[in-house]
Full PDB file with SEQRES, HELIX, SHEET, SSBOND, CRYST1, ORIGX, SCALE, CONECT and MASTER records, all heavy atoms in Angstrom:
SEQRES   1 A   37  ALA SER ARG LEU SER GLU ALA VAL ARG SER ARG LYS PHE          
SEQRES   2 A   37  ASP LYS SER TYR MET ALA VAL VAL ARG GLY ILE PRO GLY          
SEQRES   3 A   37  LYS GLN SER GLY ARG LEU THR ASP PHE LEU LEU                  
HELIX    1 AA1 SER A    2  ARG A    9  1                                   8    
CRYST1    1.000    1.000    1.000  90.00  90.00  90.00 P 1           1          
ORIGX1      1.000000  0.000000  0.000000        0.00000                         
ORIGX2      0.000000  1.000000  0.000000        0.00000                         
ORIGX3      0.000000  0.000000  1.000000        0.00000                         
SCALE1      1.000000  0.000000  0.000000        0.00000                         
SCALE2      0.000000  1.000000  0.000000        0.00000                         
SCALE3      0.000000  0.000000  1.000000        0.00000                         
ATOM      1  N   ALA A   1     -33.360  14.887  -0.518  1.00  0.00           N  
ATOM      2  CA  ALA A   1     -32.097  14.095  -0.945  1.00  0.00           C  
ATOM      3  C   ALA A   1     -31.450  14.849  -2.102  1.00  0.00           C  
ATOM      4  O   ALA A   1     -30.209  15.044  -2.078  1.00  0.00           O  
ATOM      5  CB  ALA A   1     -32.456  12.658  -1.354  1.00  0.00           C  
ATOM      6  N   SER A   2     -32.235  15.289  -3.066  1.00  0.00           N  
ATOM      7  CA  SER A   2     -31.648  16.003  -4.207  1.00  0.00           C  
ATOM      8  C   SER A   2     -30.936  17.354  -3.723  1.00  0.00           C  
ATOM      9  O   SER A   2     -29.935  17.693  -4.214  1.00  0.00           O  
ATOM     10  CB  SER A   2     -32.879  16.325  -5.193  1.00  0.00           C  
ATOM     11  OG  SER A   2     -32.359  17.088  -6.226  1.00  0.00           O  
ATOM     12  N   ARG A   3     -31.648  18.092  -2.826  1.00  0.00           N  
ATOM     13  CA  ARG A   3     -31.133  19.294  -2.440  1.00  0.00           C  
ATOM     14  C   ARG A   3     -29.903  19.116  -1.505  1.00  0.00           C  
ATOM     15  O   ARG A   3     -28.909  19.914  -1.607  1.00  0.00           O  
ATOM     16  CB  ARG A   3     -32.225  20.202  -1.686  1.00  0.00           C  
ATOM     17  CG  ARG A   3     -33.283  20.592  -2.741  1.00  0.00           C  
ATOM     18  CD  ARG A   3     -34.368  21.495  -2.067  1.00  0.00           C  
ATOM     19  NE  ARG A   3     -35.314  21.836  -3.110  1.00  0.00           N  
ATOM     20  CZ  ARG A   3     -36.388  22.641  -2.957  1.00  0.00           C  
ATOM     21  NH1 ARG A   3     -36.655  22.948  -1.630  1.00  0.00           N  
ATOM     22  NH2 ARG A   3     -37.193  22.923  -3.808  1.00  0.00           N  
ATOM     23  N   LEU A   4     -29.825  18.115  -0.717  1.00  0.00           N  
ATOM     24  CA  LEU A   4     -28.691  17.805   0.099  1.00  0.00           C  
ATOM     25  C   LEU A   4     -27.459  17.466  -0.810  1.00  0.00           C  
ATOM     26  O   LEU A   4     -26.309  17.861  -0.568  1.00  0.00           O  
ATOM     27  CB  LEU A   4     -28.957  16.748   1.061  1.00  0.00           C  
ATOM     28  CG  LEU A   4     -29.887  17.125   2.375  1.00  0.00           C  
ATOM     29  CD1 LEU A   4     -30.004  15.964   3.249  1.00  0.00           C  
ATOM     30  CD2 LEU A   4     -29.441  18.320   3.082  1.00  0.00           C  
ATOM     31  N   SER A   5     -27.817  16.598  -1.848  1.00  0.00           N  
ATOM     32  CA  SER A   5     -26.768  16.240  -2.790  1.00  0.00           C  
ATOM     33  C   SER A   5     -26.173  17.413  -3.512  1.00  0.00           C  
ATOM     34  O   SER A   5     -24.897  17.572  -3.762  1.00  0.00           O  
ATOM     35  CB  SER A   5     -27.306  15.279  -3.826  1.00  0.00           C  
ATOM     36  OG  SER A   5     -27.695  14.114  -3.224  1.00  0.00           O  
ATOM     37  N   GLU A   6     -27.029  18.451  -3.835  1.00  0.00           N  
ATOM     38  CA  GLU A   6     -26.493  19.652  -4.478  1.00  0.00           C  
ATOM     39  C   GLU A   6     -25.665  20.432  -3.512  1.00  0.00           C  
ATOM     40  O   GLU A   6     -24.744  20.979  -3.813  1.00  0.00           O  
ATOM     41  CB  GLU A   6     -27.773  20.472  -4.893  1.00  0.00           C  
ATOM     42  CG  GLU A   6     -27.356  21.876  -5.516  1.00  0.00           C  
ATOM     43  CD  GLU A   6     -26.428  21.715  -6.691  1.00  0.00           C  
ATOM     44  OE1 GLU A   6     -26.456  20.690  -7.370  1.00  0.00           O  
ATOM     45  OE2 GLU A   6     -25.474  22.622  -6.832  1.00  0.00           O  
ATOM     46  N   ALA A   7     -26.076  20.406  -2.141  1.00  0.00           N  
ATOM     47  CA  ALA A   7     -25.291  21.098  -1.188  1.00  0.00           C  
ATOM     48  C   ALA A   7     -23.884  20.493  -1.016  1.00  0.00           C  
ATOM     49  O   ALA A   7     -22.911  21.106  -0.854  1.00  0.00           O  
ATOM     50  CB  ALA A   7     -26.004  21.075   0.163  1.00  0.00           C  
ATOM     51  N   VAL A   8     -23.779  19.170  -1.197  1.00  0.00           N  
ATOM     52  CA  VAL A   8     -22.521  18.375  -1.209  1.00  0.00           C  
ATOM     53  C   VAL A   8     -21.653  18.923  -2.348  1.00  0.00           C  
ATOM     54  O   VAL A   8     -20.471  19.252  -2.189  1.00  0.00           O  
ATOM     55  CB  VAL A   8     -22.727  17.010  -1.188  1.00  0.00           C  
ATOM     56  CG1 VAL A   8     -21.376  16.219  -1.486  1.00  0.00           C  
ATOM     57  CG2 VAL A   8     -23.393  16.426   0.057  1.00  0.00           C  
ATOM     58  N   ARG A   9     -22.270  18.975  -3.589  1.00  0.00           N  
ATOM     59  CA  ARG A   9     -21.588  19.406  -4.813  1.00  0.00           C  
ATOM     60  C   ARG A   9     -21.072  20.802  -4.723  1.00  0.00           C  
ATOM     61  O   ARG A   9     -20.096  21.070  -5.214  1.00  0.00           O  
ATOM     62  CB  ARG A   9     -22.456  19.153  -6.087  1.00  0.00           C  
ATOM     63  CG  ARG A   9     -22.636  17.725  -6.415  1.00  0.00           C  
ATOM     64  CD  ARG A   9     -23.374  17.633  -7.729  1.00  0.00           C  
ATOM     65  NE  ARG A   9     -24.719  18.105  -7.647  1.00  0.00           N  
ATOM     66  CZ  ARG A   9     -25.710  17.293  -7.466  1.00  0.00           C  
ATOM     67  NH1 ARG A   9     -25.582  16.034  -7.098  1.00  0.00           N  
ATOM     68  NH2 ARG A   9     -27.016  17.821  -7.403  1.00  0.00           N  
ATOM     69  N   SER A  10     -21.857  21.653  -4.078  1.00  0.00           N  
ATOM     70  CA  SER A  10     -21.523  23.097  -4.074  1.00  0.00           C  
ATOM     71  C   SER A  10     -20.789  23.467  -2.794  1.00  0.00           C  
ATOM     72  O   SER A  10     -20.481  24.543  -2.468  1.00  0.00           O  
ATOM     73  CB  SER A  10     -22.757  23.969  -4.108  1.00  0.00           C  
ATOM     74  OG  SER A  10     -23.691  23.654  -3.023  1.00  0.00           O  
ATOM     75  N   ARG A  11     -20.372  22.399  -2.026  1.00  0.00           N  
ATOM     76  CA  ARG A  11     -19.587  22.635  -0.861  1.00  0.00           C  
ATOM     77  C   ARG A  11     -20.275  23.484   0.164  1.00  0.00           C  
ATOM     78  O   ARG A  11     -19.632  24.200   0.896  1.00  0.00           O  
ATOM     79  CB  ARG A  11     -18.203  23.172  -1.150  1.00  0.00           C  
ATOM     80  CG  ARG A  11     -17.314  22.197  -1.972  1.00  0.00           C  
ATOM     81  CD  ARG A  11     -15.853  22.549  -2.131  1.00  0.00           C  
ATOM     82  NE  ARG A  11     -15.114  21.608  -2.755  1.00  0.00           N  
ATOM     83  CZ  ARG A  11     -13.805  21.691  -3.113  1.00  0.00           C  
ATOM     84  NH1 ARG A  11     -13.198  22.724  -2.710  1.00  0.00           N  
ATOM     85  NH2 ARG A  11     -13.240  20.720  -3.701  1.00  0.00           N  
ATOM     86  N   LYS A  12     -21.576  23.336   0.367  1.00  0.00           N  
ATOM     87  CA  LYS A  12     -22.344  23.903   1.366  1.00  0.00           C  
ATOM     88  C   LYS A  12     -22.699  22.949   2.497  1.00  0.00           C  
ATOM     89  O   LYS A  12     -23.530  23.217   3.356  1.00  0.00           O  
ATOM     90  CB  LYS A  12     -23.600  24.626   0.802  1.00  0.00           C  
ATOM     91  CG  LYS A  12     -23.252  25.701  -0.112  1.00  0.00           C  
ATOM     92  CD  LYS A  12     -24.557  26.328  -0.715  1.00  0.00           C  
ATOM     93  CE  LYS A  12     -24.277  27.502  -1.701  1.00  0.00           C  
ATOM     94  NZ  LYS A  12     -25.529  27.954  -2.318  1.00  0.00           N  
ATOM     95  N   PHE A  13     -22.224  21.761   2.336  1.00  0.00           N  
ATOM     96  CA  PHE A  13     -22.387  20.649   3.314  1.00  0.00           C  
ATOM     97  C   PHE A  13     -21.099  20.474   4.125  1.00  0.00           C  
ATOM     98  O   PHE A  13     -20.138  20.055   3.617  1.00  0.00           O  
ATOM     99  CB  PHE A  13     -22.667  19.413   2.497  1.00  0.00           C  
ATOM    100  CG  PHE A  13     -23.224  18.240   3.331  1.00  0.00           C  
ATOM    101  CD1 PHE A  13     -24.496  17.804   3.162  1.00  0.00           C  
ATOM    102  CD2 PHE A  13     -22.323  17.499   4.204  1.00  0.00           C  
ATOM    103  CE1 PHE A  13     -25.026  16.754   3.913  1.00  0.00           C  
ATOM    104  CE2 PHE A  13     -22.825  16.476   4.937  1.00  0.00           C  
ATOM    105  CZ  PHE A  13     -24.210  16.157   4.798  1.00  0.00           C  
ATOM    106  N   ASP A  14     -21.109  21.048   5.347  1.00  0.00           N  
ATOM    107  CA  ASP A  14     -19.929  21.087   6.132  1.00  0.00           C  
ATOM    108  C   ASP A  14     -19.842  19.851   7.061  1.00  0.00           C  
ATOM    109  O   ASP A  14     -20.808  19.407   7.762  1.00  0.00           O  
ATOM    110  CB  ASP A  14     -19.966  22.349   7.066  1.00  0.00           C  
ATOM    111  CG  ASP A  14     -19.951  23.573   6.275  1.00  0.00           C  
ATOM    112  OD1 ASP A  14     -19.264  23.629   5.172  1.00  0.00           O  
ATOM    113  OD2 ASP A  14     -20.581  24.563   6.679  1.00  0.00           O  
ATOM    114  N   LYS A  15     -18.554  19.349   7.076  1.00  0.00           N  
ATOM    115  CA  LYS A  15     -18.312  18.145   8.007  1.00  0.00           C  
ATOM    116  C   LYS A  15     -17.030  18.306   8.677  1.00  0.00           C  
ATOM    117  O   LYS A  15     -16.023  18.778   8.078  1.00  0.00           O  
ATOM    118  CB  LYS A  15     -18.278  16.867   7.135  1.00  0.00           C  
ATOM    119  CG  LYS A  15     -19.495  16.507   6.479  1.00  0.00           C  
ATOM    120  CD  LYS A  15     -19.424  15.189   5.609  1.00  0.00           C  
ATOM    121  CE  LYS A  15     -18.688  15.459   4.410  1.00  0.00           C  
ATOM    122  NZ  LYS A  15     -18.589  14.237   3.438  1.00  0.00           N  
ATOM    123  N   SER A  16     -17.078  18.074   9.950  1.00  0.00           N  
ATOM    124  CA  SER A  16     -15.782  18.311  10.756  1.00  0.00           C  
ATOM    125  C   SER A  16     -15.653  17.040  11.620  1.00  0.00           C  
ATOM    126  O   SER A  16     -16.594  16.533  12.216  1.00  0.00           O  
ATOM    127  CB  SER A  16     -15.768  19.580  11.608  1.00  0.00           C  
ATOM    128  OG  SER A  16     -14.624  19.668  12.295  1.00  0.00           O  
ATOM    129  N   TYR A  17     -14.418  16.594  11.751  1.00  0.00           N  
ATOM    130  CA  TYR A  17     -14.073  15.326  12.440  1.00  0.00           C  
ATOM    131  C   TYR A  17     -13.005  15.615  13.480  1.00  0.00           C  
ATOM    132  O   TYR A  17     -12.249  16.475  13.415  1.00  0.00           O  
ATOM    133  CB  TYR A  17     -13.555  14.290  11.442  1.00  0.00           C  
ATOM    134  CG  TYR A  17     -14.544  13.868  10.377  1.00  0.00           C  
ATOM    135  CD1 TYR A  17     -14.695  14.636   9.254  1.00  0.00           C  
ATOM    136  CD2 TYR A  17     -15.201  12.702  10.471  1.00  0.00           C  
ATOM    137  CE1 TYR A  17     -15.545  14.334   8.287  1.00  0.00           C  
ATOM    138  CE2 TYR A  17     -16.113  12.182   9.523  1.00  0.00           C  
ATOM    139  CZ  TYR A  17     -16.250  13.051   8.381  1.00  0.00           C  
ATOM    140  OH  TYR A  17     -17.178  12.704   7.387  1.00  0.00           O  
ATOM    141  N   MET A  18     -13.154  14.714  14.443  1.00  0.00           N  
ATOM    142  CA  MET A  18     -12.063  14.632  15.535  1.00  0.00           C  
ATOM    143  C   MET A  18     -11.272  13.270  15.183  1.00  0.00           C  
ATOM    144  O   MET A  18     -11.921  12.262  14.903  1.00  0.00           O  
ATOM    145  CB  MET A  18     -12.525  14.606  16.904  1.00  0.00           C  
ATOM    146  CG  MET A  18     -13.095  15.959  17.376  1.00  0.00           C  
ATOM    147  SD  MET A  18     -11.774  17.158  17.630  1.00  0.00           S  
ATOM    148  CE  MET A  18     -12.538  18.407  18.601  1.00  0.00           C  
ATOM    149  N   ALA A  19      -9.951  13.324  15.440  1.00  0.00           N  
ATOM    150  CA  ALA A  19      -9.221  12.099  15.238  1.00  0.00           C  
ATOM    151  C   ALA A  19      -8.049  12.188  16.155  1.00  0.00           C  
ATOM    152  O   ALA A  19      -7.545  13.228  16.507  1.00  0.00           O  
ATOM    153  CB  ALA A  19      -8.680  11.973  13.847  1.00  0.00           C  
ATOM    154  N   VAL A  20      -7.614  10.962  16.727  1.00  0.00           N  
ATOM    155  CA  VAL A  20      -6.459  10.833  17.479  1.00  0.00           C  
ATOM    156  C   VAL A  20      -5.470  10.161  16.616  1.00  0.00           C  
ATOM    157  O   VAL A  20      -5.712   9.017  16.070  1.00  0.00           O  
ATOM    158  CB  VAL A  20      -6.737  10.047  18.753  1.00  0.00           C  
ATOM    159  CG1 VAL A  20      -5.340   9.950  19.579  1.00  0.00           C  
ATOM    160  CG2 VAL A  20      -7.725  10.760  19.666  1.00  0.00           C  
ATOM    161  N   VAL A  21      -4.282  10.778  16.344  1.00  0.00           N  
ATOM    162  CA  VAL A  21      -3.335  10.237  15.496  1.00  0.00           C  
ATOM    163  C   VAL A  21      -2.043   9.890  16.205  1.00  0.00           C  
ATOM    164  O   VAL A  21      -1.753  10.334  17.256  1.00  0.00           O  
ATOM    165  CB  VAL A  21      -2.964  11.168  14.305  1.00  0.00           C  
ATOM    166  CG1 VAL A  21      -4.180  11.607  13.577  1.00  0.00           C  
ATOM    167  CG2 VAL A  21      -2.269  12.449  14.812  1.00  0.00           C  
ATOM    168  N   ARG A  22      -1.278   8.932  15.661  1.00  0.00           N  
ATOM    169  CA  ARG A  22      -0.033   8.560  16.195  1.00  0.00           C  
ATOM    170  C   ARG A  22       1.088   9.637  15.873  1.00  0.00           C  
ATOM    171  O   ARG A  22       1.096  10.075  14.776  1.00  0.00           O  
ATOM    172  CB  ARG A  22       0.477   7.269  15.631  1.00  0.00           C  
ATOM    173  CG  ARG A  22      -0.480   5.952  15.950  1.00  0.00           C  
ATOM    174  CD  ARG A  22      -0.283   5.485  17.289  1.00  0.00           C  
ATOM    175  NE  ARG A  22      -1.101   4.359  17.608  1.00  0.00           N  
ATOM    176  CZ  ARG A  22      -1.103   3.751  18.804  1.00  0.00           C  
ATOM    177  NH1 ARG A  22      -0.349   4.164  19.796  1.00  0.00           N  
ATOM    178  NH2 ARG A  22      -1.818   2.553  18.998  1.00  0.00           N  
ATOM    179  N   GLY A  23       1.832  10.020  16.869  1.00  0.00           N  
ATOM    180  CA  GLY A  23       2.841  10.995  16.645  1.00  0.00           C  
ATOM    181  C   GLY A  23       2.265  12.439  16.684  1.00  0.00           C  
ATOM    182  O   GLY A  23       1.206  12.650  17.106  1.00  0.00           O  
ATOM    183  N   ILE A  24       3.141  13.373  16.181  1.00  0.00           N  
ATOM    184  CA  ILE A  24       2.734  14.781  16.146  1.00  0.00           C  
ATOM    185  C   ILE A  24       2.987  15.259  14.737  1.00  0.00           C  
ATOM    186  O   ILE A  24       4.133  15.290  14.265  1.00  0.00           O  
ATOM    187  CB  ILE A  24       3.625  15.547  17.187  1.00  0.00           C  
ATOM    188  CG1 ILE A  24       3.329  15.039  18.590  1.00  0.00           C  
ATOM    189  CG2 ILE A  24       3.181  17.046  17.127  1.00  0.00           C  
ATOM    190  CD1 ILE A  24       4.247  15.694  19.597  1.00  0.00           C  
ATOM    191  N   PRO A  25       1.956  15.720  14.017  1.00  0.00           N  
ATOM    192  CA  PRO A  25       2.117  16.280  12.703  1.00  0.00           C  
ATOM    193  C   PRO A  25       3.117  17.390  12.699  1.00  0.00           C  
ATOM    194  O   PRO A  25       3.377  18.088  13.674  1.00  0.00           O  
ATOM    195  CB  PRO A  25       0.779  16.842  12.351  1.00  0.00           C  
ATOM    196  CG  PRO A  25      -0.266  16.038  13.217  1.00  0.00           C  
ATOM    197  CD  PRO A  25       0.554  15.725  14.436  1.00  0.00           C  
ATOM    198  N   GLY A  26       3.847  17.493  11.555  1.00  0.00           N  
ATOM    199  CA  GLY A  26       4.970  18.444  11.436  1.00  0.00           C  
ATOM    200  C   GLY A  26       4.609  19.918  11.681  1.00  0.00           C  
ATOM    201  O   GLY A  26       5.350  20.775  12.105  1.00  0.00           O  
ATOM    202  N   LYS A  27       3.325  20.219  11.310  1.00  0.00           N  
ATOM    203  CA  LYS A  27       2.775  21.575  11.427  1.00  0.00           C  
ATOM    204  C   LYS A  27       1.588  21.526  12.324  1.00  0.00           C  
ATOM    205  O   LYS A  27       0.826  20.557  12.291  1.00  0.00           O  
ATOM    206  CB  LYS A  27       2.325  22.142  10.101  1.00  0.00           C  
ATOM    207  CG  LYS A  27       3.588  22.380   9.119  1.00  0.00           C  
ATOM    208  CD  LYS A  27       3.083  22.973   7.778  1.00  0.00           C  
ATOM    209  CE  LYS A  27       4.257  23.256   6.857  1.00  0.00           C  
ATOM    210  NZ  LYS A  27       3.767  23.784   5.570  1.00  0.00           N  
ATOM    211  N   GLN A  28       1.349  22.531  13.116  1.00  0.00           N  
ATOM    212  CA  GLN A  28       0.132  22.588  13.994  1.00  0.00           C  
ATOM    213  C   GLN A  28      -1.144  22.766  13.305  1.00  0.00           C  
ATOM    214  O   GLN A  28      -2.132  22.331  13.798  1.00  0.00           O  
ATOM    215  CB  GLN A  28       0.347  23.707  14.995  1.00  0.00           C  
ATOM    216  CG  GLN A  28       1.371  23.585  16.032  1.00  0.00           C  
ATOM    217  CD  GLN A  28       0.951  22.303  16.982  1.00  0.00           C  
ATOM    218  OE1 GLN A  28       1.428  21.271  16.976  1.00  0.00           O  
ATOM    219  NE2 GLN A  28      -0.004  22.629  17.885  1.00  0.00           N  
ATOM    220  N   SER A  29      -1.069  23.294  12.162  1.00  0.00           N  
ATOM    221  CA  SER A  29      -2.288  23.410  11.272  1.00  0.00           C  
ATOM    222  C   SER A  29      -1.787  23.343   9.721  1.00  0.00           C  
ATOM    223  O   SER A  29      -0.671  23.780   9.508  1.00  0.00           O  
ATOM    224  CB  SER A  29      -3.133  24.526  11.582  1.00  0.00           C  
ATOM    225  OG  SER A  29      -2.406  25.783  11.314  1.00  0.00           O  
ATOM    226  N   GLY A  30      -2.748  23.035   8.871  1.00  0.00           N  
ATOM    227  CA  GLY A  30      -2.401  23.071   7.544  1.00  0.00           C  
ATOM    228  C   GLY A  30      -3.371  22.334   6.686  1.00  0.00           C  
ATOM    229  O   GLY A  30      -4.411  22.003   7.065  1.00  0.00           O  
ATOM    230  N   ARG A  31      -3.027  22.201   5.476  1.00  0.00           N  
ATOM    231  CA  ARG A  31      -3.963  21.619   4.367  1.00  0.00           C  
ATOM    232  C   ARG A  31      -3.173  20.413   3.685  1.00  0.00           C  
ATOM    233  O   ARG A  31      -2.029  20.619   3.362  1.00  0.00           O  
ATOM    234  CB  ARG A  31      -4.361  22.617   3.278  1.00  0.00           C  
ATOM    235  CG  ARG A  31      -5.099  22.009   2.225  1.00  0.00           C  
ATOM    236  CD  ARG A  31      -5.754  23.099   1.321  1.00  0.00           C  
ATOM    237  NE  ARG A  31      -6.843  23.744   2.027  1.00  0.00           N  
ATOM    238  CZ  ARG A  31      -7.645  24.630   1.422  1.00  0.00           C  
ATOM    239  NH1 ARG A  31      -7.533  24.996   0.204  1.00  0.00           N  
ATOM    240  NH2 ARG A  31      -8.633  25.159   2.190  1.00  0.00           N  
ATOM    241  N   LEU A  32      -3.845  19.347   3.659  1.00  0.00           N  
ATOM    242  CA  LEU A  32      -3.310  18.151   2.970  1.00  0.00           C  
ATOM    243  C   LEU A  32      -4.000  18.007   1.636  1.00  0.00           C  
ATOM    244  O   LEU A  32      -5.204  17.873   1.607  1.00  0.00           O  
ATOM    245  CB  LEU A  32      -3.533  16.846   3.837  1.00  0.00           C  
ATOM    246  CG  LEU A  32      -2.821  16.838   5.231  1.00  0.00           C  
ATOM    247  CD1 LEU A  32      -3.072  15.542   5.942  1.00  0.00           C  
ATOM    248  CD2 LEU A  32      -1.396  17.176   5.153  1.00  0.00           C  
ATOM    249  N   THR A  33      -3.205  17.947   0.532  1.00  0.00           N  
ATOM    250  CA  THR A  33      -3.750  17.700  -0.697  1.00  0.00           C  
ATOM    251  C   THR A  33      -3.066  16.507  -1.391  1.00  0.00           C  
ATOM    252  O   THR A  33      -1.866  16.571  -1.505  1.00  0.00           O  
ATOM    253  CB  THR A  33      -3.608  18.977  -1.667  1.00  0.00           C  
ATOM    254  OG1 THR A  33      -4.291  20.102  -1.015  1.00  0.00           O  
ATOM    255  CG2 THR A  33      -4.177  18.718  -3.079  1.00  0.00           C  
ATOM    256  N   ASP A  34      -3.787  15.523  -1.749  1.00  0.00           N  
ATOM    257  CA  ASP A  34      -3.191  14.345  -2.315  1.00  0.00           C  
ATOM    258  C   ASP A  34      -4.128  13.879  -3.457  1.00  0.00           C  
ATOM    259  O   ASP A  34      -5.305  14.207  -3.528  1.00  0.00           O  
ATOM    260  CB  ASP A  34      -3.026  13.199  -1.302  1.00  0.00           C  
ATOM    261  CG  ASP A  34      -2.118  13.550  -0.169  1.00  0.00           C  
ATOM    262  OD1 ASP A  34      -0.917  13.687  -0.544  1.00  0.00           O  
ATOM    263  OD2 ASP A  34      -2.542  13.744   0.946  1.00  0.00           O  
ATOM    264  N   PHE A  35      -3.628  12.926  -4.229  1.00  0.00           N  
ATOM    265  CA  PHE A  35      -4.481  12.200  -5.253  1.00  0.00           C  
ATOM    266  C   PHE A  35      -4.541  10.771  -4.765  1.00  0.00           C  
ATOM    267  O   PHE A  35      -3.454  10.111  -4.468  1.00  0.00           O  
ATOM    268  CB  PHE A  35      -3.830  12.302  -6.654  1.00  0.00           C  
ATOM    269  CG  PHE A  35      -4.034  13.716  -7.260  1.00  0.00           C  
ATOM    270  CD1 PHE A  35      -3.241  14.725  -6.832  1.00  0.00           C  
ATOM    271  CD2 PHE A  35      -5.136  13.970  -7.989  1.00  0.00           C  
ATOM    272  CE1 PHE A  35      -3.423  16.039  -7.385  1.00  0.00           C  
ATOM    273  CE2 PHE A  35      -5.410  15.270  -8.523  1.00  0.00           C  
ATOM    274  CZ  PHE A  35      -4.474  16.306  -8.184  1.00  0.00           C  
ATOM    275  N   LEU A  36      -5.781  10.275  -4.671  1.00  0.00           N  
ATOM    276  CA  LEU A  36      -6.025   8.934  -4.142  1.00  0.00           C  
ATOM    277  C   LEU A  36      -6.574   7.911  -5.246  1.00  0.00           C  
ATOM    278  O   LEU A  36      -7.404   8.450  -6.027  1.00  0.00           O  
ATOM    279  CB  LEU A  36      -6.959   9.000  -2.973  1.00  0.00           C  
ATOM    280  CG  LEU A  36      -6.752  10.021  -1.859  1.00  0.00           C  
ATOM    281  CD1 LEU A  36      -7.738   9.904  -0.726  1.00  0.00           C  
ATOM    282  CD2 LEU A  36      -5.275   9.777  -1.274  1.00  0.00           C  
ATOM    283  N   LEU A  37      -6.154   6.703  -5.131  1.00  0.00           N  
ATOM    284  CA  LEU A  37      -6.619   5.718  -5.982  1.00  0.00           C  
ATOM    285  C   LEU A  37      -7.170   4.512  -5.259  1.00  0.00           C  
ATOM    286  O   LEU A  37      -6.529   4.004  -4.364  1.00  0.00           O  
ATOM    287  CB  LEU A  37      -5.555   5.320  -6.973  1.00  0.00           C  
ATOM    288  CG  LEU A  37      -5.900   4.159  -7.935  1.00  0.00           C  
ATOM    289  CD1 LEU A  37      -6.944   4.843  -9.012  1.00  0.00           C  
ATOM    290  CD2 LEU A  37      -4.629   3.606  -8.737  1.00  0.00           C  
TER     291      LEU A  37                                                      
MASTER        0    0    0    1    0    0    0    6  290    1    0    3          
END                                                                             
C-alpha cells in the first residue's frame, strides 16, 4: 500500500478510462486543465 501510494504521488500509477460523451468535443485530442472545488 505504501509503495503504491508513492507510485500515485510520483505519477507512475497509470490509469486510462473510456467514456461516452454527449456531443463532439471541439478538438479530436487535447488536454483539459481546470481548478476544481
